[in-house]
Amino acid sequence: MVRLASYLVADSVESYRADHIDGESIEAVFDPPELDEGLALRQSIPSDLTTLLREWALGFCPLNAIERSLSDLIDARRSNADRLFAT
C-alpha cells in the first residue's frame, strides 16, 4: 500500500502548504518562480491522469492498483490514437 503526498497534486501555493510536514518550509526552500513552474507543469498534465493522481493522494492504495490504472490509461490512449489514425 502506498499513498501519494497531497502536495504532489497541488494546484496552488496554498495546496503546497497543506502538507503537515513540509508545508511551513515550502517558501523557504523554493523560490516563487520555482513554485510557479511546478504549478504550471501540474496544470499541463492531462485531465485523465490528474484525476488518477488526485484519487491516489486521498488515501492508501495498493501499488499494483496504481500500476494497473496506468497500464489501462496507456492502453486507452493507444486505442484512441489508433482510431484517429485509422480514419
PDB file of N, CA and C in Angstrom:
ATOM      1  N   MET A   1       0.844  -1.169   0.000  1.00  0.00           N
ATOM      2  CA  MET A   1       0.000   0.000   0.000  1.00  0.00           C
ATOM      3  C   MET A   1       0.896   1.241   0.000  1.00  0.00           C
ATOM      4  N   VAL A   2       0.513   2.200  -0.818  1.00  0.00           N
ATOM      5  CA  VAL A   2       1.238   3.461  -0.882  1.00  0.00           C
ATOM      6  C   VAL A   2       0.232   4.606  -0.811  1.00  0.00           C
ATOM      7  N   ARG A   3       0.755   5.760  -0.518  1.00  0.00           N
ATOM      8  CA  ARG A   3      -0.071   6.960  -0.508  1.00  0.00           C
ATOM      9  C   ARG A   3       0.759   8.087  -1.086  1.00  0.00           C
ATOM     10  N   LEU A   4       0.209   8.774  -2.068  1.00  0.00           N
ATOM     11  CA  LEU A   4       0.899   9.921  -2.641  1.00  0.00           C
ATOM     12  C   LEU A   4       0.695  11.122  -1.734  1.00  0.00           C
ATOM     13  N   ALA A   5       1.745  11.885  -1.549  1.00  0.00           N
ATOM     14  CA  ALA A   5       1.638  13.101  -0.745  1.00  0.00           C
ATOM     15  C   ALA A   5       0.726  14.094  -1.454  1.00  0.00           C
ATOM     16  N   SER A   6      -0.104  14.786  -0.702  1.00  0.00           N
ATOM     17  CA  SER A   6      -1.079  15.706  -1.290  1.00  0.00           C
ATOM     18  C   SER A   6      -0.415  16.821  -2.087  1.00  0.00           C
ATOM     19  N   TYR A   7       0.795  17.229  -1.693  1.00  0.00           N
ATOM     20  CA  TYR A   7       1.436  18.318  -2.423  1.00  0.00           C
ATOM     21  C   TYR A   7       1.856  17.905  -3.830  1.00  0.00           C
ATOM     22  N   LEU A   8       1.877  16.612  -4.115  1.00  0.00           N
ATOM     23  CA  LEU A   8       2.215  16.159  -5.469  1.00  0.00           C
ATOM     24  C   LEU A   8       1.132  16.521  -6.480  1.00  0.00           C
ATOM     25  N   VAL A   9      -0.060  16.794  -5.996  1.00  0.00           N
ATOM     26  CA  VAL A   9      -1.149  17.210  -6.884  1.00  0.00           C
ATOM     27  C   VAL A   9      -1.586  18.646  -6.564  1.00  0.00           C
ATOM     28  N   ALA A  10      -0.701  19.394  -5.943  1.00  0.00           N
ATOM     29  CA  ALA A  10      -1.025  20.772  -5.567  1.00  0.00           C
ATOM     30  C   ALA A  10      -1.332  21.601  -6.806  1.00  0.00           C
ATOM     31  N   ASP A  11      -2.367  22.414  -6.707  1.00  0.00           N
ATOM     32  CA  ASP A  11      -2.699  23.305  -7.814  1.00  0.00           C
ATOM     33  C   ASP A  11      -2.578  24.774  -7.409  1.00  0.00           C
ATOM     34  N   SER A  12      -2.015  25.006  -6.226  1.00  0.00           N
ATOM     35  CA  SER A  12      -1.765  26.371  -5.753  1.00  0.00           C
ATOM     36  C   SER A  12      -0.694  26.306  -4.662  1.00  0.00           C
ATOM     37  N   VAL A  13      -0.110  27.461  -4.363  1.00  0.00           N
ATOM     38  CA  VAL A  13       0.887  27.518  -3.287  1.00  0.00           C
ATOM     39  C   VAL A  13       0.239  27.117  -1.972  1.00  0.00           C
ATOM     40  N   GLU A  14      -1.024  27.472  -1.780  1.00  0.00           N
ATOM     41  CA  GLU A  14      -1.734  27.109  -0.557  1.00  0.00           C
ATOM     42  C   GLU A  14      -1.852  25.586  -0.434  1.00  0.00           C
ATOM     43  N   SER A  15      -2.016  24.921  -1.557  1.00  0.00           N
ATOM     44  CA  SER A  15      -2.079  23.449  -1.536  1.00  0.00           C
ATOM     45  C   SER A  15      -0.751  22.855  -1.108  1.00  0.00           C
ATOM     46  N   TYR A  16       0.346  23.482  -1.536  1.00  0.00           N
ATOM     47  CA  TYR A  16       1.660  23.030  -1.075  1.00  0.00           C
ATOM     48  C   TYR A  16       1.753  23.135   0.441  1.00  0.00           C
ATOM     49  N   ARG A  17       1.276  24.245   0.967  1.00  0.00           N
ATOM     50  CA  ARG A  17       1.364  24.493   2.418  1.00  0.00           C
ATOM     51  C   ARG A  17       0.495  23.542   3.230  1.00  0.00           C
ATOM     52  N   ALA A  18      -0.459  22.883   2.599  1.00  0.00           N
ATOM     53  CA  ALA A  18      -1.364  21.985   3.314  1.00  0.00           C
ATOM     54  C   ALA A  18      -0.646  20.748   3.847  1.00  0.00           C
ATOM     55  N   ASP A  19       0.520  20.434   3.305  1.00  0.00           N
ATOM     56  CA  ASP A  19       1.277  19.277   3.782  1.00  0.00           C
ATOM     57  C   ASP A  19       1.735  19.538   5.209  1.00  0.00           C
ATOM     58  N   HIS A  20       1.362  18.648   6.127  1.00  0.00           N
ATOM     59  CA  HIS A  20       1.644  18.892   7.545  1.00  0.00           C
ATOM     60  C   HIS A  20       3.127  18.770   7.902  1.00  0.00           C
ATOM     61  N   ILE A  21       3.924  18.144   7.060  1.00  0.00           N
ATOM     62  CA  ILE A  21       5.353  18.001   7.362  1.00  0.00           C
ATOM     63  C   ILE A  21       6.164  19.129   6.732  1.00  0.00           C
ATOM     64  N   ASP A  22       5.966  19.354   5.439  1.00  0.00           N
ATOM     65  CA  ASP A  22       6.791  20.316   4.715  1.00  0.00           C
ATOM     66  C   ASP A  22       6.116  21.653   4.453  1.00  0.00           C
ATOM     67  N   GLY A  23       4.871  21.773   4.815  1.00  0.00           N
ATOM     68  CA  GLY A  23       4.113  22.970   4.478  1.00  0.00           C
ATOM     69  C   GLY A  23       4.755  24.275   4.906  1.00  0.00           C
ATOM     70  N   GLU A  24       5.338  24.308   6.084  1.00  0.00           N
ATOM     71  CA  GLU A  24       5.910  25.553   6.592  1.00  0.00           C
ATOM     72  C   GLU A  24       7.192  25.946   5.881  1.00  0.00           C
ATOM     73  N   SER A  25       7.893  24.977   5.309  1.00  0.00           N
ATOM     74  CA  SER A  25       9.184  25.293   4.719  1.00  0.00           C
ATOM     75  C   SER A  25       9.161  25.433   3.197  1.00  0.00           C
ATOM     76  N   ILE A  26       7.996  25.284   2.585  1.00  0.00           N
ATOM     77  CA  ILE A  26       7.917  25.330   1.119  1.00  0.00           C
ATOM     78  C   ILE A  26       8.500  26.619   0.559  1.00  0.00           C
ATOM     79  N   GLU A  27       8.058  27.751   1.064  1.00  0.00           N
ATOM     80  CA  GLU A  27       8.550  29.015   0.531  1.00  0.00           C
ATOM     81  C   GLU A  27       9.987  29.296   0.941  1.00  0.00           C
ATOM     82  N   ALA A  28      10.445  28.698   2.028  1.00  0.00           N
ATOM     83  CA  ALA A  28      11.839  28.872   2.431  1.00  0.00           C
ATOM     84  C   ALA A  28      12.771  28.066   1.532  1.00  0.00           C
ATOM     85  N   VAL A  29      12.287  26.953   1.023  1.00  0.00           N
ATOM     86  CA  VAL A  29      13.109  26.072   0.198  1.00  0.00           C
ATOM     87  C   VAL A  29      13.027  26.453  -1.279  1.00  0.00           C
ATOM     88  N   PHE A  30      11.844  26.831  -1.740  1.00  0.00           N
ATOM     89  CA  PHE A  30      11.629  27.113  -3.161  1.00  0.00           C
ATOM     90  C   PHE A  30      11.423  28.594  -3.402  1.00  0.00           C
ATOM     91  N   ASP A  31      12.025  29.089  -4.456  1.00  0.00           N
ATOM     92  CA  ASP A  31      11.775  30.466  -4.892  1.00  0.00           C
ATOM     93  C   ASP A  31      10.395  30.516  -5.541  1.00  0.00           C
ATOM     94  N   PRO A  32       9.730  31.666  -5.473  1.00  0.00           N
ATOM     95  CA  PRO A  32       8.411  31.772  -6.113  1.00  0.00           C
ATOM     96  C   PRO A  32       8.390  31.330  -7.580  1.00  0.00           C
ATOM     97  N   PRO A  33       9.421  31.667  -8.390  1.00  0.00           N
ATOM     98  CA  PRO A  33       9.388  31.185  -9.785  1.00  0.00           C
ATOM     99  C   PRO A  33       9.428  29.647  -9.886  1.00  0.00           C
ATOM    100  N   GLU A  34      10.129  29.000  -8.966  1.00  0.00           N
ATOM    101  CA  GLU A  34      10.158  27.529  -8.957  1.00  0.00           C
ATOM    102  C   GLU A  34       8.778  26.959  -8.636  1.00  0.00           C
ATOM    103  N   LEU A  35       8.108  27.568  -7.672  1.00  0.00           N
ATOM    104  CA  LEU A  35       6.757  27.132  -7.330  1.00  0.00           C
ATOM    105  C   LEU A  35       5.818  27.329  -8.515  1.00  0.00           C
ATOM    106  N   ASP A  36       5.935  28.477  -9.168  1.00  0.00           N
ATOM    107  CA  ASP A  36       5.091  28.745 -10.336  1.00  0.00           C
ATOM    108  C   ASP A  36       5.353  27.746 -11.454  1.00  0.00           C
ATOM    109  N   GLU A  37       6.617  27.407 -11.646  1.00  0.00           N
ATOM    110  CA  GLU A  37       6.979  26.439 -12.682  1.00  0.00           C
ATOM    111  C   GLU A  37       6.400  25.061 -12.367  1.00  0.00           C
ATOM    112  N   GLY A  38       6.492  24.651 -11.118  1.00  0.00           N
ATOM    113  CA  GLY A  38       5.921  23.368 -10.703  1.00  0.00           C
ATOM    114  C   GLY A  38       4.415  23.333 -10.872  1.00  0.00           C
ATOM    115  N   LEU A  39       3.760  24.437 -10.530  1.00  0.00           N
ATOM    116  CA  LEU A  39       2.310  24.514 -10.691  1.00  0.00           C
ATOM    117  C   LEU A  39       1.924  24.486 -12.167  1.00  0.00           C
ATOM    118  N   ALA A  40       2.684  25.179 -12.997  1.00  0.00           N
ATOM    119  CA  ALA A  40       2.404  25.183 -14.437  1.00  0.00           C
ATOM    120  C   ALA A  40       2.554  23.779 -15.013  1.00  0.00           C
ATOM    121  N   LEU A  41       3.563  23.054 -14.553  1.00  0.00           N
ATOM    122  CA  LEU A  41       3.750  21.680 -15.017  1.00  0.00           C
ATOM    123  C   LEU A  41       2.558  20.819 -14.625  1.00  0.00           C
ATOM    124  N   ARG A  42       2.108  20.935 -13.385  1.00  0.00           N
ATOM    125  CA  ARG A  42       0.947  20.147 -12.939  1.00  0.00           C
ATOM    126  C   ARG A  42      -0.303  20.488 -13.747  1.00  0.00           C
ATOM    127  N   GLN A  43      -0.457  21.753 -14.096  1.00  0.00           N
ATOM    128  CA  GLN A  43      -1.633  22.162 -14.854  1.00  0.00           C
ATOM    129  C   GLN A  43      -1.584  21.665 -16.297  1.00  0.00           C
ATOM    130  N   SER A  44      -0.399  21.276 -16.758  1.00  0.00           N
ATOM    131  CA  SER A  44      -0.273  20.764 -18.126  1.00  0.00           C
ATOM    132  C   SER A  44      -0.522  19.253 -18.201  1.00  0.00           C
ATOM    133  N   ILE A  45      -0.668  18.604 -17.057  1.00  0.00           N
ATOM    134  CA  ILE A  45      -0.919  17.158 -17.030  1.00  0.00           C
ATOM    135  C   ILE A  45      -2.337  16.906 -17.535  1.00  0.00           C
ATOM    136  N   PRO A  46      -2.500  15.955 -18.450  1.00  0.00           N
ATOM    137  CA  PRO A  46      -3.844  15.659 -18.968  1.00  0.00           C
ATOM    138  C   PRO A  46      -4.823  15.327 -17.841  1.00  0.00           C
ATOM    139  N   SER A  47      -6.066  15.696 -18.059  1.00  0.00           N
ATOM    140  CA  SER A  47      -7.080  15.573 -17.002  1.00  0.00           C
ATOM    141  C   SER A  47      -7.298  14.128 -16.554  1.00  0.00           C
ATOM    142  N   ASP A  48      -7.180  13.158 -17.473  1.00  0.00           N
ATOM    143  CA  ASP A  48      -7.383  11.765 -17.065  1.00  0.00           C
ATOM    144  C   ASP A  48      -6.314  11.302 -16.084  1.00  0.00           C
ATOM    145  N   LEU A  49      -5.082  11.737 -16.297  1.00  0.00           N
ATOM    146  CA  LEU A  49      -4.008  11.386 -15.369  1.00  0.00           C
ATOM    147  C   LEU A  49      -4.130  12.179 -14.070  1.00  0.00           C
ATOM    148  N   THR A  50      -4.510  13.440 -14.157  1.00  0.00           N
ATOM    149  CA  THR A  50      -4.708  14.253 -12.956  1.00  0.00           C
ATOM    150  C   THR A  50      -5.764  13.643 -12.052  1.00  0.00           C
ATOM    151  N   THR A  51      -6.834  13.143 -12.648  1.00  0.00           N
ATOM    152  CA  THR A  51      -7.898  12.503 -11.870  1.00  0.00           C
ATOM    153  C   THR A  51      -7.346  11.316 -11.101  1.00  0.00           C
ATOM    154  N   LEU A  52      -6.550  10.494 -11.766  1.00  0.00           N
ATOM    155  CA  LEU A  52      -5.955   9.337 -11.080  1.00  0.00           C
ATOM    156  C   LEU A  52      -5.031   9.780  -9.948  1.00  0.00           C
ATOM    157  N   LEU A  53      -4.185  10.768 -10.216  1.00  0.00           N
ATOM    158  CA  LEU A  53      -3.259  11.251  -9.186  1.00  0.00           C
ATOM    159  C   LEU A  53      -4.012  11.766  -7.960  1.00  0.00           C
ATOM    160  N   ARG A  54      -5.084  12.499  -8.190  1.00  0.00           N
ATOM    161  CA  ARG A  54      -5.876  13.019  -7.068  1.00  0.00           C
ATOM    162  C   ARG A  54      -6.510  11.890  -6.266  1.00  0.00           C
ATOM    163  N   GLU A  55      -6.992  10.862  -6.950  1.00  0.00           N
ATOM    164  CA  GLU A  55      -7.573   9.708  -6.245  1.00  0.00           C
ATOM    165  C   GLU A  55      -6.521   9.020  -5.387  1.00  0.00           C
ATOM    166  N   TRP A  56      -5.331   8.849  -5.931  1.00  0.00           N
ATOM    167  CA  TRP A  56      -4.272   8.154  -5.194  1.00  0.00           C
ATOM    168  C   TRP A  56      -3.764   8.972  -4.016  1.00  0.00           C
ATOM    169  N   ALA A  57      -3.932  10.285  -4.056  1.00  0.00           N
ATOM    170  CA  ALA A  57      -3.477  11.139  -2.955  1.00  0.00           C
ATOM    171  C   ALA A  57      -4.490  11.206  -1.814  1.00  0.00           C
ATOM    172  N   LEU A  58      -5.695  10.666  -2.021  1.00  0.00           N
ATOM    173  CA  LEU A  58      -6.732  10.721  -0.988  1.00  0.00           C
ATOM    174  C   LEU A  58      -6.496   9.745   0.149  1.00  0.00           C
ATOM    175  N   GLY A  59      -5.895   8.635  -0.137  1.00  0.00           N
ATOM    176  CA  GLY A  59      -5.666   7.629   0.894  1.00  0.00           C
ATOM    177  C   GLY A  59      -4.697   6.578   0.385  1.00  0.00           C
ATOM    178  N   PHE A  60      -4.533   5.545   1.155  1.00  0.00           N
ATOM    179  CA  PHE A  60      -3.623   4.479   0.760  1.00  0.00           C
ATOM    180  C   PHE A  60      -4.272   3.617  -0.309  1.00  0.00           C
ATOM    181  N   CYS A  61      -3.449   3.158  -1.245  1.00  0.00           N
ATOM    182  CA  CYS A  61      -3.971   2.251  -2.256  1.00  0.00           C
ATOM    183  C   CYS A  61      -2.861   1.272  -2.638  1.00  0.00           C
ATOM    184  N   PRO A  62      -3.249   0.084  -3.073  1.00  0.00           N
ATOM    185  CA  PRO A  62      -2.251  -0.912  -3.450  1.00  0.00           C
ATOM    186  C   PRO A  62      -1.433  -0.429  -4.652  1.00  0.00           C
ATOM    187  N   LEU A  63      -0.141  -0.639  -4.592  1.00  0.00           N
ATOM    188  CA  LEU A  63       0.738  -0.227  -5.677  1.00  0.00           C
ATOM    189  C   LEU A  63       0.331  -0.892  -6.987  1.00  0.00           C
ATOM    190  N   ASN A  64      -0.094  -2.153  -6.923  1.00  0.00           N
ATOM    191  CA  ASN A  64      -0.490  -2.821  -8.166  1.00  0.00           C
ATOM    192  C   ASN A  64      -1.750  -2.197  -8.759  1.00  0.00           C
ATOM    193  N   ALA A  65      -2.599  -1.577  -7.953  1.00  0.00           N
ATOM    194  CA  ALA A  65      -3.771  -0.871  -8.479  1.00  0.00           C
ATOM    195  C   ALA A  65      -3.329   0.368  -9.262  1.00  0.00           C
ATOM    196  N   ILE A  66      -2.302   1.053  -8.772  1.00  0.00           N
ATOM    197  CA  ILE A  66      -1.745   2.207  -9.486  1.00  0.00           C
ATOM    198  C   ILE A  66      -1.147   1.737 -10.809  1.00  0.00           C
ATOM    199  N   GLU A  67      -0.366   0.663 -10.754  1.00  0.00           N
ATOM    200  CA  GLU A  67       0.244   0.130 -11.974  1.00  0.00           C
ATOM    201  C   GLU A  67      -0.821  -0.274 -12.988  1.00  0.00           C
ATOM    202  N   ARG A  68      -1.866  -0.919 -12.521  1.00  0.00           N
ATOM    203  CA  ARG A  68      -2.946  -1.368 -13.405  1.00  0.00           C
ATOM    204  C   ARG A  68      -3.670  -0.170 -14.020  1.00  0.00           C
ATOM    205  N   SER A  69      -3.945   0.840 -13.210  1.00  0.00           N
ATOM    206  CA  SER A  69      -4.618   2.040 -13.706  1.00  0.00           C
ATOM    207  C   SER A  69      -3.787   2.750 -14.769  1.00  0.00           C
ATOM    208  N   LEU A  70      -2.491   2.834 -14.539  1.00  0.00           N
ATOM    209  CA  LEU A  70      -1.615   3.476 -15.524  1.00  0.00           C
ATOM    210  C   LEU A  70      -1.558   2.662 -16.818  1.00  0.00           C
ATOM    211  N   SER A  71      -1.489   1.350 -16.697  1.00  0.00           N
ATOM    212  CA  SER A  71      -1.497   0.495 -17.890  1.00  0.00           C
ATOM    213  C   SER A  71      -2.798   0.655 -18.664  1.00  0.00           C
ATOM    214  N   ASP A  72      -3.916   0.701 -17.950  1.00  0.00           N
ATOM    215  CA  ASP A  72      -5.217   0.899 -18.596  1.00  0.00           C
ATOM    216  C   ASP A  72      -5.278   2.250 -19.300  1.00  0.00           C
ATOM    217  N   LEU A  73      -4.743   3.272 -18.667  1.00  0.00           N
ATOM    218  CA  LEU A  73      -4.732   4.605 -19.255  1.00  0.00           C
ATOM    219  C   LEU A  73      -3.895   4.617 -20.538  1.00  0.00           C
ATOM    220  N   ILE A  74      -2.736   4.000 -20.484  1.00  0.00           N
ATOM    221  CA  ILE A  74      -1.869   3.918 -21.668  1.00  0.00           C
ATOM    222  C   ILE A  74      -2.569   3.159 -22.785  1.00  0.00           C
ATOM    223  N   ASP A  75      -3.185   2.032 -22.444  1.00  0.00           N
ATOM    224  CA  ASP A  75      -3.896   1.242 -23.449  1.00  0.00           C
ATOM    225  C   ASP A  75      -5.042   2.026 -24.069  1.00  0.00           C
ATOM    226  N   ALA A  76      -5.787   2.768 -23.259  1.00  0.00           N
ATOM    227  CA  ALA A  76      -6.904   3.563 -23.764  1.00  0.00           C
ATOM    228  C   ALA A  76      -6.407   4.662 -24.698  1.00  0.00           C
ATOM    229  N   ARG A  77      -5.301   5.272 -24.351  1.00  0.00           N
ATOM    230  CA  ARG A  77      -4.752   6.317 -25.213  1.00  0.00           C
ATOM    231  C   ARG A  77      -4.268   5.726 -26.528  1.00  0.00           C
ATOM    232  N   ARG A  78      -3.633   4.557 -26.468  1.00  0.00           N
ATOM    233  CA  ARG A  78      -3.196   3.891 -27.706  1.00  0.00           C
ATOM    234  C   ARG A  78      -4.392   3.568 -28.588  1.00  0.00           C
ATOM    235  N   SER A  79      -5.438   3.057 -27.961  1.00  0.00           N
ATOM    236  CA  SER A  79      -6.640   2.701 -28.698  1.00  0.00           C
ATOM    237  C   SER A  79      -7.256   3.918 -29.370  1.00  0.00           C
ATOM    238  N   ASN A  80      -7.299   5.029 -28.650  1.00  0.00           N
ATOM    239  CA  ASN A  80      -7.829   6.283 -29.216  1.00  0.00           C
ATOM    240  C   ASN A  80      -6.953   6.772 -30.355  1.00  0.00           C
ATOM    241  N   ALA A  81      -5.643   6.696 -30.177  1.00  0.00           N
ATOM    242  CA  ALA A  81      -4.705   7.130 -31.218  1.00  0.00           C
ATOM    243  C   ALA A  81      -4.848   6.248 -32.458  1.00  0.00           C
ATOM    244  N   ASP A  82      -4.990   4.934 -32.241  1.00  0.00           N
ATOM    245  CA  ASP A  82      -5.157   4.013 -33.374  1.00  0.00           C
ATOM    246  C   ASP A  82      -6.407   4.360 -34.162  1.00  0.00           C
ATOM    247  N   ARG A  83      -7.501   4.674 -33.455  1.00  0.00           N
ATOM    248  CA  ARG A  83      -8.752   5.027 -34.125  1.00  0.00           C
ATOM    249  C   ARG A  83      -8.611   6.320 -34.914  1.00  0.00           C
ATOM    250  N   LEU A  84      -7.864   7.273 -34.374  1.00  0.00           N
ATOM    251  CA  LEU A  84      -7.678   8.551 -35.064  1.00  0.00           C
ATOM    252  C   LEU A  84      -6.897   8.370 -36.362  1.00  0.00           C
ATOM    253  N   PHE A  85      -5.859   7.555 -36.294  1.00  0.00           N
ATOM    254  CA  PHE A  85      -5.006   7.374 -37.461  1.00  0.00           C
ATOM    255  C   PHE A  85      -5.578   6.375 -38.459  1.00  0.00           C
ATOM    256  N   ALA A  86      -6.557   5.602 -38.054  1.00  0.00           N
ATOM    257  CA  ALA A  86      -7.173   4.606 -38.955  1.00  0.00           C
ATOM    258  C   ALA A  86      -8.161   5.263 -39.920  1.00  0.00           C
ATOM    259  N   THR A  87      -8.630   6.452 -39.558  1.00  0.00           N
ATOM    260  CA  THR A  87      -9.622   7.109 -40.427  1.00  0.00           C
ATOM    261  C   THR A  87      -8.991   7.916 -41.514  1.00  0.00           C
TER     262      THR A  87
END
